[in-house]
Amino acid sequence: MRRGVQLSFAAIGGIGLAKELEEWGAVWAEKGAESETTLLFGAGGEGAQAWEQTLRLTLCMQLVSLPVVLWHFFSYPLYGIFLNLLVVPLTGIIVGSGAGSLLASLFAIRAGTFLTGGGRAVLAWYEICCRWFLRLPGSSLLRGRPELWQIVVYYMALGVLIYVLFKRDRQPKARMAGLKISRILRGKREVVLVCFLLASLFSLRPPAVRGLEVTILDTGQGDGICIRTRNQVILVDGGSTDQKELGQYRLEPFFQSKGIRQIDLAIVTHGDWDHISGLSWLLEQASEEESGTASGRIRVKALAMPEAGKGEEVYERLEQLCEKQGGQVVWIARGDVVKQNASDSPAGSTGVQAIWERLGRRTGGAGENLLRLQCLYPESVSGHSTPVSGTDRNEHSLVFRLDYGEFHMLLTGDMSADGEADLVRLESGTEGKVPIGTDSTDVRESGMKEEKAGRPEAGDIWILKVAHHGSGYSSSETFLAWLNPDYAVISCGKKNRYGHPHPDTLERLSECESQILQTKESGAIIWQTDGHRITWTGWKTAREG
């Protein structure tokens, strides 16, 4: 409803602007200054042809509505101006048909229905044209949702530009040498406006990520985590049991709002539906695009799945979908490392490392990794270690440690209490390895955490993504005492049938003095860090504030 109202006002504003341009053209024509004021699409005024007026009207509507379109749809229809040439001249039929049908329906419903035929035919023609244009290559330009300050600056710049180009000079001396450049621009007013429109398409886009951004998506009863740097996008899981069309109405709009066309690496911690439903939909849509039956979908460049689950039907299906849309599939286990700095020596699976070598571009000041994503659990089934049982997918759920400078986060998937005990044993018994949890620090209520002073080691966890949506069978006292996280984030749905998060789990998290955040209360939770400090924002809190 709000979207339609905003677009309607933008369209009316564009029509009003076009009318003003036409009147200005008529005034200059009366002054005999047509040589200076000839518009790109005609001389303006009453002598302009219908198609010239249509082009001018379309241009003005595009200029006024551009920020509104990007805000709600995240992309710009490149063929929109040409499409309007086929539709705008017929709008009179729609208006006349609607008005006639309303009047006729006062006397007979059938008569009113009959008179709507002309309008319905035009709308059907419009729908056919839209579908046909959408199949053309590059039918839309994905830009993402601009910030509010960008929209304000855009309208201010547009207003200044229109005033400079179309104001009437009251003093003849104002046309002297000092305004030669202005006079040249005025001679090509519509050309300048078209250039302004094109330039705005490249400037009205979300600002680039500074440092690291981690978004705990609001997937309802499910999991989905997006990790972004300036150049890379990683998705960890993406599914839900209560959001039936998560991929279409949550995941795809999220990535499009950020201007993201491709996910560099998608990780499936395990194959339960509440972790893969949305990701599976994205892969299906991208596969259809590869077959030529869809366009503008989010593609996955590489897909990582648990080695312990290899051979199961759910993983084989995901593998087929990924390869069909042109992606690469790798199987990972404990020890595999994904790095942003490709110059470092591999620390795990060469398949995962090779993927990141093609993605990595930046290194830290002393050669350290800016981004490091290491798989801690489960152990490899192909090595000398004991294979993980495949009867319960939660038992082979992947666990990752995310490092960015001095920032550390643990992503636990749906690991159980037994898995937590195994992880503590593996980490504590590794020679030369710093245990994950070493100390803690106080956290400001404002959501800002300063660099930890006097930290003996840089291996402690700042944020814990609580396992299994806060189930009572995870987050044991031993595990939490070992980690001692500053923040605990729980992804769960409102009034879910499982009762997540369990009261006992919340009590254990409170006892270890972790600040608890839940997606069912805060919505999507967005973390940002420069490697030394972190800030967080709850989507619902931000909207209400």
Protein backbone atom coordinates (compact mmCIF):
# COMPACT_ATOMS: atom_id res chain seq x y z
CA MET A 1 0.00 0.00 0.00
CA ARG A 2 2.71 2.47 1.03
CA ARG A 3 4.78 1.49 -2.00
CA GLY A 4 1.89 2.23 -4.36
CA VAL A 5 1.16 5.61 -2.74
CA GLN A 6 4.80 6.70 -3.02
CA LEU A 7 5.05 5.63 -6.65
CA SER A 8 1.78 7.43 -7.42
CA PHE A 9 3.02 10.69 -5.92
CA ALA A 10 6.34 10.31 -7.76
CA ALA A 11 4.48 9.80 -11.04
CA ILE A 12 2.32 12.86 -10.42
CA GLY A 13 5.45 14.86 -9.63
CA GLY A 14 7.01 13.72 -12.90
CA ILE A 15 3.90 14.75 -14.83
CA GLY A 16 3.96 18.15 -13.17
CA LEU A 17 7.63 18.60 -14.04
CA ALA A 18 6.96 17.68 -17.67
CA LYS A 19 4.15 20.22 -17.79
CA GLU A 20 6.48 22.92 -16.43
CA LEU A 21 9.12 22.10 -19.06
CA GLU A 22 6.50 22.38 -21.78
CA GLU A 23 5.32 25.77 -20.50
CA TRP A 24 8.88 27.07 -20.28
CA GLY A 25 9.44 25.95 -23.86
CA ALA A 26 6.33 27.81 -24.97
CA VAL A 27 7.45 31.00 -23.21
CA TRP A 28 10.83 30.95 -24.90
CA ALA A 29 9.22 30.23 -28.26
CA GLU A 30 7.11 33.40 -27.86
CA LYS A 31 10.30 35.37 -27.22
CA GLY A 32 11.72 34.16 -30.51
CA ALA A 33 14.51 32.29 -28.76
CA GLU A 34 13.74 28.86 -30.17
CA SER A 35 17.31 28.42 -31.40
CA GLU A 36 18.49 28.47 -27.79
CA THR A 37 15.68 26.51 -26.22
CA THR A 38 14.93 23.75 -28.70
CA LEU A 39 14.39 20.64 -26.64
CA LEU A 40 15.94 17.29 -27.39
CA PHE A 41 12.55 15.83 -28.23
CA GLY A 42 11.11 18.83 -30.10
CA ALA A 43 10.50 22.54 -29.83
CA GLY A 44 8.10 22.14 -26.90
CA GLY A 45 4.84 23.95 -26.42
CA GLU A 46 1.75 23.33 -28.48
CA GLY A 47 3.73 22.41 -31.59
CA ALA A 48 5.33 19.36 -30.03
CA GLN A 49 4.28 16.02 -31.48
CA ALA A 50 2.60 13.37 -29.32
CA TRP A 51 5.63 11.10 -29.29
CA GLU A 52 7.86 14.02 -28.29
CA GLN A 53 5.57 14.83 -25.38
CA THR A 54 5.54 11.14 -24.41
CA LEU A 55 9.33 11.01 -24.32
CA ARG A 56 9.52 14.18 -22.28
CA LEU A 57 6.85 12.90 -19.90
CA THR A 58 8.63 9.56 -19.51
CA LEU A 59 11.97 11.22 -18.81
CA CYS A 60 10.49 13.44 -16.11
CA MET A 61 8.68 10.53 -14.47
CA GLN A 62 11.90 8.52 -14.45
CA LEU A 63 13.83 11.39 -12.87
CA VAL A 64 11.33 11.95 -10.07
CA SER A 65 10.57 8.30 -9.32
CA LEU A 66 14.12 6.86 -9.58
CA PRO A 67 14.91 6.88 -5.81
CA VAL A 68 11.45 5.49 -4.98
CA VAL A 69 11.88 2.64 -7.47
CA LEU A 70 15.34 1.76 -6.15
CA TRP A 71 14.14 1.93 -2.55
CA HIS A 72 11.35 -0.60 -3.09
CA PHE A 73 12.59 -2.75 -5.99
CA PHE A 74 16.40 -2.36 -5.76
CA SER A 75 16.80 -2.35 -9.55
CA TYR A 76 16.13 -0.05 -12.48
CA PRO A 77 14.30 -1.18 -15.64
CA LEU A 78 16.71 -0.24 -18.41
CA TYR A 79 14.05 -0.52 -21.09
CA GLY A 80 11.45 1.38 -19.07
CA ILE A 81 11.52 4.49 -21.26
CA PHE A 82 10.91 2.46 -24.41
CA LEU A 83 8.22 0.40 -22.71
CA ASN A 84 6.38 3.56 -21.72
CA LEU A 85 6.26 4.60 -25.37
CA LEU A 86 4.01 1.60 -25.95
CA VAL A 87 1.78 2.23 -22.95
CA VAL A 88 1.59 5.93 -22.01
CA PRO A 89 -0.29 6.94 -25.20
CA LEU A 90 -2.99 4.42 -24.22
CA THR A 91 -3.53 5.65 -20.66
CA GLY A 92 -6.46 7.77 -21.86
CA ILE A 93 -8.30 4.58 -22.76
CA ILE A 94 -7.76 3.22 -19.24
CA VAL A 95 -8.99 6.42 -17.59
CA GLY A 96 -11.96 6.79 -19.93
CA SER A 97 -12.89 3.13 -19.60
CA GLY A 98 -12.74 3.29 -15.81
CA ALA A 99 -14.78 6.47 -15.57
CA GLY A 100 -17.37 5.21 -18.05
CA SER A 101 -17.74 1.88 -16.28
CA LEU A 102 -18.27 3.59 -12.92
CA LEU A 103 -20.96 5.80 -14.37
CA ALA A 104 -22.65 2.96 -16.26
CA SER A 105 -22.61 0.65 -13.21
CA LEU A 106 -24.94 3.08 -11.46
CA PHE A 107 -27.63 1.94 -13.88
CA ALA A 108 -26.57 -1.59 -14.80
CA ILE A 109 -23.68 -3.73 -13.53
CA ARG A 110 -23.37 -5.55 -16.85
CA ALA A 111 -23.04 -2.25 -18.71
CA GLY A 112 -20.28 -1.16 -16.34
CA THR A 113 -18.49 -4.47 -16.77
CA PHE A 114 -18.74 -4.20 -20.53
CA LEU A 115 -17.20 -0.71 -20.56
CA THR A 116 -14.15 -1.93 -18.62
CA GLY A 117 -13.16 -4.02 -21.63
CA GLY A 118 -11.00 -1.32 -23.21
CA GLY A 119 -9.04 -0.69 -20.02
CA ARG A 120 -8.56 -4.41 -19.40
CA ALA A 121 -7.27 -4.88 -22.93
CA VAL A 122 -4.68 -2.12 -22.48
CA LEU A 123 -3.57 -3.58 -19.13
CA ALA A 124 -3.27 -7.03 -20.70
CA TRP A 125 -1.16 -5.52 -23.47
CA TYR A 126 0.99 -3.81 -20.81
CA GLU A 127 1.53 -7.15 -19.01
CA ILE A 128 2.54 -8.87 -22.24
CA CYS A 129 5.04 -6.11 -23.02
CA CYS A 130 6.50 -6.28 -19.51
CA ARG A 131 7.00 -10.03 -19.68
CA TRP A 132 8.61 -9.74 -23.10
CA PHE A 133 10.98 -6.96 -22.02
CA LEU A 134 11.97 -8.93 -18.90
CA ARG A 135 13.29 -11.71 -21.13
CA LEU A 136 15.66 -9.35 -22.91
CA PRO A 137 19.31 -9.41 -21.77
CA GLY A 138 20.06 -6.75 -19.17
CA SER A 139 16.38 -5.98 -18.67
CA SER A 140 17.08 -4.51 -15.23
CA LEU A 141 20.09 -2.97 -13.55
CA LEU A 142 20.53 -4.15 -9.95
CA ARG A 143 21.69 -1.26 -7.79
CA GLY A 144 20.41 -2.06 -4.28
CA ARG A 145 18.58 0.17 -1.82
CA PRO A 146 20.17 3.63 -1.41
CA GLU A 147 20.52 5.27 1.98
CA LEU A 148 18.04 7.97 2.98
CA TRP A 149 20.74 10.66 2.90
CA GLN A 150 21.56 9.68 -0.67
CA ILE A 151 17.92 10.16 -1.66
CA VAL A 152 17.80 13.58 -0.02
CA VAL A 153 20.98 14.66 -1.81
CA TYR A 154 19.57 13.37 -5.11
CA TYR A 155 16.36 15.43 -4.92
CA MET A 156 18.30 18.51 -3.84
CA ALA A 157 20.70 18.12 -6.79
CA LEU A 158 17.77 17.55 -9.17
CA GLY A 159 16.03 20.68 -7.94
CA VAL A 160 19.16 22.81 -8.34
CA LEU A 161 19.81 21.41 -11.82
CA ILE A 162 16.27 22.12 -13.03
CA TYR A 163 16.41 25.65 -11.63
CA VAL A 164 19.72 26.38 -13.36
CA LEU A 165 18.63 24.89 -16.69
CA PHE A 166 15.11 26.31 -16.91
CA LYS A 167 15.01 29.57 -14.99
CA ARG A 168 14.14 32.67 -17.06
CA ASP A 169 16.76 35.39 -17.20
CA ARG A 170 15.15 38.75 -16.41
CA GLN A 171 18.21 40.83 -17.31
CA PRO A 172 19.58 40.70 -20.86
CA LYS A 173 23.11 41.34 -19.55
CA ALA A 174 22.95 38.00 -17.79
CA ARG A 175 23.59 36.36 -21.17
CA MET A 176 27.11 37.70 -21.43
CA ALA A 177 30.39 35.77 -21.37
CA GLY A 178 30.09 34.87 -17.70
CA LEU A 179 27.14 32.55 -18.47
CA LYS A 180 28.31 31.04 -21.75
CA ILE A 181 28.62 27.58 -20.23
CA SER A 182 25.13 27.88 -18.75
CA ARG A 183 23.75 28.93 -22.14
CA ILE A 184 25.38 25.92 -23.82
CA LEU A 185 23.83 23.60 -21.26
CA ARG A 186 20.43 25.22 -21.69
CA GLY A 187 20.54 24.52 -25.37
CA LYS A 188 20.65 20.80 -24.54
CA ARG A 189 18.45 20.66 -21.48
CA GLU A 190 17.05 17.18 -21.97
CA VAL A 191 20.50 15.84 -22.84
CA VAL A 192 21.75 17.17 -19.50
CA LEU A 193 18.80 15.59 -17.68
CA VAL A 194 19.42 12.23 -19.36
CA CYS A 195 23.10 12.39 -18.32
CA PHE A 196 22.01 13.27 -14.78
CA LEU A 197 19.70 10.23 -14.74
CA LEU A 198 22.48 7.92 -15.93
CA ALA A 199 24.97 9.32 -13.42
CA SER A 200 22.45 8.86 -10.62
CA LEU A 201 22.11 5.17 -11.47
CA PHE A 202 25.76 4.73 -10.52
CA SER A 203 25.68 6.96 -7.42
CA LEU A 204 22.39 5.80 -5.86
CA ARG A 205 23.63 2.51 -4.47
CA PRO A 206 24.40 1.22 -0.96
CA PRO A 207 27.79 2.36 0.39
CA ALA A 208 30.54 -0.27 0.32
CA VAL A 209 31.13 -2.34 3.46
CA ARG A 210 33.85 -1.01 5.72
CA GLY A 211 35.66 -3.77 7.54
CA LEU A 212 33.48 -6.81 8.23
CA GLU A 213 29.68 -7.01 8.39
CA VAL A 214 27.89 -10.08 9.77
CA THR A 215 24.11 -10.22 9.49
CA ILE A 216 22.13 -12.80 11.44
CA LEU A 217 19.12 -12.95 9.14
CA ASP A 218 15.60 -13.13 10.52
CA THR A 219 14.59 -16.46 9.02
CA GLY A 220 11.97 -17.36 11.61
CA GLN A 221 12.56 -20.88 12.91
CA GLY A 222 15.76 -21.43 10.98
CA ASP A 223 19.27 -20.19 10.36
CA GLY A 224 20.90 -17.81 7.91
CA ILE A 225 24.09 -15.77 8.31
CA CYS A 226 25.57 -13.39 5.73
CA ILE A 227 29.24 -12.42 6.05
CA ARG A 228 30.40 -9.49 3.93
CA THR A 229 33.61 -7.60 3.32
CA ARG A 230 34.21 -4.96 0.68
CA ASN A 231 34.73 -7.57 -2.04
CA GLN A 232 33.35 -10.87 -0.77
CA VAL A 233 30.00 -12.36 0.25
CA ILE A 234 29.65 -15.58 2.27
CA LEU A 235 26.32 -17.16 3.20
CA VAL A 236 26.21 -19.69 6.03
CA ASP A 237 22.96 -21.65 5.80
CA GLY A 238 19.65 -20.16 4.72
CA GLY A 239 16.50 -22.02 5.68
CA SER A 240 13.35 -22.02 7.78
CA THR A 241 10.49 -24.30 8.76
CA ASP A 242 7.86 -21.61 9.38
CA GLN A 243 8.76 -19.19 6.54
CA LYS A 244 7.54 -21.25 3.60
CA GLU A 245 8.93 -19.01 0.84
CA LEU A 246 12.05 -17.82 2.61
CA GLY A 247 14.20 -17.69 -0.52
CA GLN A 248 11.78 -15.56 -2.51
CA TYR A 249 10.63 -13.16 0.20
CA ARG A 250 13.63 -12.96 2.56
CA LEU A 251 16.94 -14.12 1.07
CA GLU A 252 16.67 -12.80 -2.48
CA PRO A 253 15.30 -9.36 -1.42
CA PHE A 254 18.06 -9.08 1.19
CA PHE A 255 20.84 -9.68 -1.32
CA GLN A 256 19.19 -7.48 -3.94
CA SER A 257 18.80 -4.64 -1.42
CA LYS A 258 22.57 -4.78 -0.93
CA GLY A 259 23.20 -4.81 -4.68
CA ILE A 260 24.61 -8.35 -4.51
CA ARG A 261 24.41 -10.42 -7.68
CA GLN A 262 26.63 -13.31 -6.62
CA ILE A 263 27.41 -15.22 -3.43
CA ASP A 264 31.08 -16.07 -3.48
CA LEU A 265 30.78 -18.94 -1.02
CA ALA A 266 27.67 -20.60 0.42
CA ILE A 267 28.16 -22.99 3.34
CA VAL A 268 25.67 -25.64 4.38
CA THR A 269 26.38 -26.66 7.97
CA HIS A 270 24.02 -29.63 7.58
CA GLY A 271 21.10 -30.69 5.42
CA ASP A 272 18.07 -30.09 7.64
CA TRP A 273 15.31 -28.11 5.94
CA ASP A 274 15.46 -25.24 8.43
CA HIS A 275 19.01 -24.59 7.18
CA ILE A 276 18.70 -25.12 3.42
CA SER A 277 15.17 -24.29 2.22
CA GLY A 278 15.94 -20.73 1.09
CA LEU A 279 19.39 -21.57 -0.26
CA SER A 280 17.92 -24.46 -2.22
CA TRP A 281 15.40 -22.05 -3.80
CA LEU A 282 18.20 -19.65 -4.81
CA LEU A 283 20.09 -22.49 -6.48
CA GLU A 284 16.95 -23.63 -8.31
CA GLN A 285 16.25 -20.15 -9.65
CA ALA A 286 19.85 -19.67 -10.76
CA SER A 287 19.70 -23.05 -12.49
CA GLU A 288 16.63 -21.92 -14.43
CA GLU A 289 18.47 -18.75 -15.42
CA GLU A 290 21.32 -20.88 -16.74
CA SER A 291 18.73 -22.73 -18.83
CA GLY A 292 17.41 -19.44 -20.21
CA THR A 293 14.02 -19.51 -18.44
CA ALA A 294 14.75 -16.82 -15.83
CA SER A 295 16.96 -13.76 -15.39
CA GLY A 296 18.46 -11.57 -12.70
CA ARG A 297 18.81 -14.29 -10.07
CA ILE A 298 21.40 -14.59 -7.29
CA ARG A 299 24.16 -17.00 -8.28
CA VAL A 300 26.36 -19.12 -6.01
CA LYS A 301 29.97 -19.32 -7.09
CA ALA A 302 31.01 -22.06 -4.64
CA LEU A 303 29.10 -24.36 -2.28
CA ALA A 304 30.73 -26.01 0.75
CA MET A 305 29.05 -28.94 2.52
CA PRO A 306 30.03 -31.35 5.33
CA GLU A 307 32.26 -34.18 4.22
CA ALA A 308 30.61 -36.41 6.82
CA GLY A 309 27.30 -36.15 4.94
CA LYS A 310 28.67 -36.95 1.50
CA GLY A 311 26.50 -39.49 -0.26
CA GLU A 312 23.23 -38.48 1.37
CA GLU A 313 20.42 -37.60 -1.01
CA VAL A 314 19.90 -34.07 0.29
CA TYR A 315 23.54 -33.11 -0.32
CA GLU A 316 23.65 -34.75 -3.73
CA ARG A 317 20.63 -32.70 -4.81
CA LEU A 318 22.28 -29.47 -3.65
CA GLU A 319 25.45 -30.49 -5.46
CA GLN A 320 23.54 -31.02 -8.71
CA LEU A 321 21.77 -27.67 -8.42
CA CYS A 322 25.00 -25.83 -7.71
CA GLU A 323 26.85 -27.38 -10.64
CA LYS A 324 23.88 -26.79 -12.94
CA GLN A 325 24.01 -23.04 -12.26
CA GLY A 326 27.78 -23.03 -12.85
CA GLY A 327 29.11 -23.27 -9.29
CA GLN A 328 31.81 -25.42 -7.69
CA VAL A 329 31.16 -27.87 -4.84
CA VAL A 330 33.65 -28.75 -2.10
CA TRP A 331 33.37 -31.05 0.92
CA ILE A 332 34.93 -29.79 4.13
CA ALA A 333 35.79 -31.00 7.63
CA ARG A 334 37.89 -29.97 10.62
CA GLY A 335 41.05 -28.13 9.60
CA ASP A 336 39.78 -26.63 6.36
CA VAL A 337 40.40 -22.89 6.23
CA VAL A 338 39.01 -20.15 4.04
CA LYS A 339 41.26 -17.08 3.93
CA GLN A 340 41.08 -13.66 2.41
CA ASN A 341 44.85 -13.44 2.06
CA ALA A 342 45.76 -15.96 -0.63
CA SER A 343 49.52 -15.54 -0.05
CA ASP A 344 49.37 -17.57 3.17
CA SER A 345 50.15 -21.27 3.11
CA PRO A 346 47.12 -23.55 2.87
CA ALA A 347 45.88 -24.86 6.18
CA GLY A 348 43.37 -27.38 5.02
CA SER A 349 41.49 -28.64 2.00
CA THR A 350 43.08 -27.47 -1.25
CA GLY A 351 39.61 -27.25 -2.78
CA VAL A 352 38.42 -24.60 -0.34
CA GLN A 353 41.77 -22.82 -0.45
CA ALA A 354 41.72 -22.71 -4.27
CA ILE A 355 38.32 -21.03 -4.19
CA TRP A 356 39.55 -18.32 -1.87
CA GLU A 357 42.74 -17.79 -3.85
CA ARG A 358 40.58 -16.55 -6.70
CA LEU A 359 38.55 -14.32 -4.38
CA GLY A 360 41.18 -12.92 -2.06
CA ARG A 361 42.69 -9.53 -2.83
CA ARG A 362 43.61 -7.69 0.35
CA THR A 363 46.06 -8.40 3.16
CA GLY A 364 46.61 -6.82 6.51
CA GLY A 365 49.33 -4.33 7.31
CA ALA A 366 51.70 -6.99 8.65
CA GLY A 367 50.66 -9.71 6.21
CA GLU A 368 48.07 -11.23 8.56
CA ASN A 369 44.70 -12.39 7.27
CA LEU A 370 41.93 -9.84 7.44
CA LEU A 371 39.37 -12.62 7.19
CA ARG A 372 39.78 -16.21 8.25
CA LEU A 373 37.03 -18.82 8.42
CA GLN A 374 38.19 -22.13 9.90
CA CYS A 375 36.19 -25.34 10.23
CA LEU A 376 36.61 -26.74 13.77
CA TYR A 377 34.17 -29.64 13.69
CA PRO A 378 33.51 -32.46 12.77
CA GLU A 379 36.67 -34.40 12.01
CA SER A 380 37.32 -35.73 8.55
CA VAL A 381 35.81 -39.13 7.79
CA SER A 382 38.58 -39.91 5.31
CA GLY A 383 41.45 -39.45 7.76
CA HIS A 384 42.65 -41.44 10.72
CA SER A 385 40.01 -40.04 13.05
CA THR A 386 36.80 -41.77 14.02
CA PRO A 387 34.02 -41.07 11.48
CA VAL A 388 31.02 -39.08 12.65
CA SER A 389 27.74 -40.97 12.71
CA GLY A 390 25.46 -40.01 9.86
CA THR A 391 22.21 -41.13 11.48
CA ASP A 392 21.53 -37.63 12.81
CA ARG A 393 22.59 -34.68 10.65
CA ASN A 394 23.02 -32.55 13.76
CA GLU A 395 25.93 -34.80 14.72
CA HIS A 396 27.90 -33.77 11.64
CA SER A 397 26.84 -30.12 11.69
CA LEU A 398 29.78 -27.94 10.70
CA VAL A 399 31.22 -25.52 13.25
CA PHE A 400 33.24 -22.50 12.13
CA ARG A 401 35.38 -19.90 13.79
CA LEU A 402 35.33 -16.52 12.08
CA ASP A 403 38.35 -14.28 12.66
CA TYR A 404 38.79 -10.70 11.50
CA GLY A 405 41.71 -8.99 13.15
CA GLU A 406 41.02 -9.33 16.87
CA PHE A 407 37.33 -10.05 16.31
CA HIS A 408 36.29 -13.70 16.79
CA MET A 409 32.93 -15.38 16.34
CA LEU A 410 31.85 -19.01 16.64
CA LEU A 411 29.19 -20.40 14.27
CA THR A 412 27.83 -23.63 15.70
CA GLY A 413 25.07 -24.78 13.34
CA ASP A 414 22.92 -27.35 15.18
CA MET A 415 25.65 -29.16 17.08
CA SER A 416 24.55 -31.16 20.12
CA ALA A 417 25.95 -31.32 23.64
CA ASP A 418 28.00 -34.37 22.62
CA GLY A 419 29.44 -32.41 19.72
CA GLU A 420 30.29 -29.56 22.05
CA ALA A 421 32.17 -31.94 24.34
CA ASP A 422 34.08 -33.36 21.37
CA LEU A 423 34.98 -29.85 20.18
CA VAL A 424 36.29 -28.87 23.63
CA ARG A 425 38.35 -32.04 23.70
CA LEU A 426 39.77 -31.49 20.22
CA GLU A 427 40.64 -27.84 20.78
CA SER A 428 42.09 -28.31 24.26
CA GLY A 429 44.17 -31.28 23.20
CA THR A 430 45.75 -29.65 20.11
CA GLU A 431 49.40 -28.89 20.66
CA GLY A 432 50.43 -25.31 20.09
CA LYS A 433 46.84 -24.16 19.58
CA VAL A 434 45.39 -21.35 21.65
CA PRO A 435 42.08 -22.42 23.26
CA ILE A 436 39.10 -20.53 21.99
CA GLY A 437 37.94 -19.13 25.33
CA THR A 438 40.42 -17.34 27.58
CA ASP A 439 38.87 -14.26 29.12
CA SER A 440 35.97 -11.85 28.97
CA THR A 441 35.31 -8.15 29.24
CA ASP A 442 32.47 -5.85 30.12
CA VAL A 443 30.22 -4.73 27.29
CA ARG A 444 28.64 -1.30 27.05
CA GLU A 445 24.87 -1.14 27.01
CA SER A 446 25.02 0.97 23.83
CA GLY A 447 26.04 -2.06 21.81
CA MET A 448 29.68 -0.98 21.42
CA LYS A 449 32.58 -3.14 22.53
CA GLU A 450 36.03 -1.63 22.89
CA GLU A 451 39.25 -3.44 22.12
CA LYS A 452 40.02 -5.86 24.91
CA ALA A 453 42.81 -4.46 27.04
CA GLY A 454 45.39 -6.75 28.57
CA ARG A 455 44.20 -9.74 26.55
CA PRO A 456 46.73 -12.55 27.00
CA GLU A 457 45.71 -14.23 23.78
CA ALA A 458 43.62 -13.27 20.71
CA GLY A 459 41.70 -16.51 20.69
CA ASP A 460 38.63 -15.69 22.78
CA ILE A 461 35.13 -15.59 21.29
CA TRP A 462 33.31 -12.27 21.20
CA ILE A 463 30.07 -13.60 19.69
CA LEU A 464 28.53 -17.06 19.92
CA LYS A 465 25.85 -18.09 17.47
CA VAL A 466 23.97 -20.34 19.88
CA ALA A 467 23.59 -23.89 18.59
CA HIS A 468 20.28 -25.43 17.56
CA HIS A 469 18.19 -22.25 18.02
CA GLY A 470 18.71 -22.28 21.78
CA SER A 471 17.67 -25.88 22.31
CA GLY A 472 17.95 -27.30 25.81
CA TYR A 473 20.17 -30.08 24.45
CA SER A 474 22.94 -27.66 23.43
CA SER A 475 24.99 -24.88 25.04
CA SER A 476 26.10 -26.97 28.01
CA GLU A 477 27.61 -25.37 31.10
CA THR A 478 31.04 -26.82 30.31
CA PHE A 479 30.95 -25.49 26.76
CA LEU A 480 29.84 -22.00 27.78
CA ALA A 481 32.36 -21.84 30.64
CA TRP A 482 35.07 -22.74 28.14
CA LEU A 483 34.00 -20.10 25.61
CA ASN A 484 32.77 -17.37 27.96
CA PRO A 485 31.28 -15.34 25.05
CA ASP A 486 30.39 -11.68 25.41
CA TYR A 487 27.35 -11.96 23.14
CA ALA A 488 25.03 -14.91 22.49
CA VAL A 489 22.82 -14.70 19.39
CA ILE A 490 19.84 -17.03 19.03
CA SER A 491 18.05 -17.50 15.71
CA CYS A 492 14.49 -18.69 16.31
CA GLY A 493 10.90 -17.95 15.33
CA LYS A 494 8.07 -16.46 17.34
CA LYS A 495 5.84 -18.99 19.12
CA ASN A 496 7.70 -21.89 17.51
CA ARG A 497 6.41 -25.34 18.35
CA TYR A 498 9.77 -26.43 19.77
CA GLY A 499 9.75 -23.84 22.55
CA HIS A 500 13.11 -22.40 21.48
CA PRO A 501 15.02 -20.95 23.16
CA HIS A 502 14.76 -23.27 26.15
CA PRO A 503 14.57 -21.52 29.55
CA ASP A 504 17.47 -23.64 30.85
CA THR A 505 19.64 -22.50 27.95
CA LEU A 506 18.81 -18.85 28.63
CA GLU A 507 19.66 -19.35 32.28
CA ARG A 508 23.03 -20.91 31.42
CA LEU A 509 23.83 -18.05 29.06
CA SER A 510 22.90 -15.51 31.71
CA GLU A 511 25.09 -17.23 34.28
CA CYS A 512 28.13 -16.80 32.02
CA GLU A 513 27.24 -13.08 31.73
CA SER A 514 26.59 -13.16 27.99
CA GLN A 515 24.35 -10.50 26.48
CA ILE A 516 21.54 -12.45 24.81
CA LEU A 517 20.04 -11.33 21.49
CA GLN A 518 17.19 -13.14 19.72
CA THR A 519 16.04 -12.67 16.13
CA LYS A 520 12.41 -13.21 17.15
CA GLU A 521 12.69 -10.05 19.26
CA SER A 522 15.23 -7.89 17.40
CA GLY A 523 14.67 -9.10 13.85
CA ALA A 524 17.81 -9.35 11.75
CA ILE A 525 20.89 -8.52 13.82
CA ILE A 526 23.70 -6.69 12.02
CA TRP A 527 27.25 -6.72 13.39
CA GLN A 528 29.99 -4.44 12.08
CA THR A 529 33.65 -4.48 13.06
CA ASP A 530 36.98 -3.03 12.00
CA GLY A 531 38.80 -5.87 13.72
CA HIS A 532 39.10 -4.02 17.04
CA ARG A 533 35.62 -2.85 17.99
CA ILE A 534 32.11 -4.06 17.18
CA THR A 535 28.72 -2.41 16.89
CA TRP A 536 25.37 -4.11 16.49
CA THR A 537 21.94 -3.06 15.32
CA GLY A 538 18.63 -4.89 15.57
CA TRP A 539 16.49 -4.38 12.47
CA LYS A 540 13.22 -4.03 14.39
CA THR A 541 14.84 -1.77 16.96
CA ALA A 542 16.29 0.39 14.23
CA ARG A 543 12.92 0.72 12.51
CA GLU A 544 11.11 1.60 15.73
CA GLY A 545 13.77 4.13 16.68
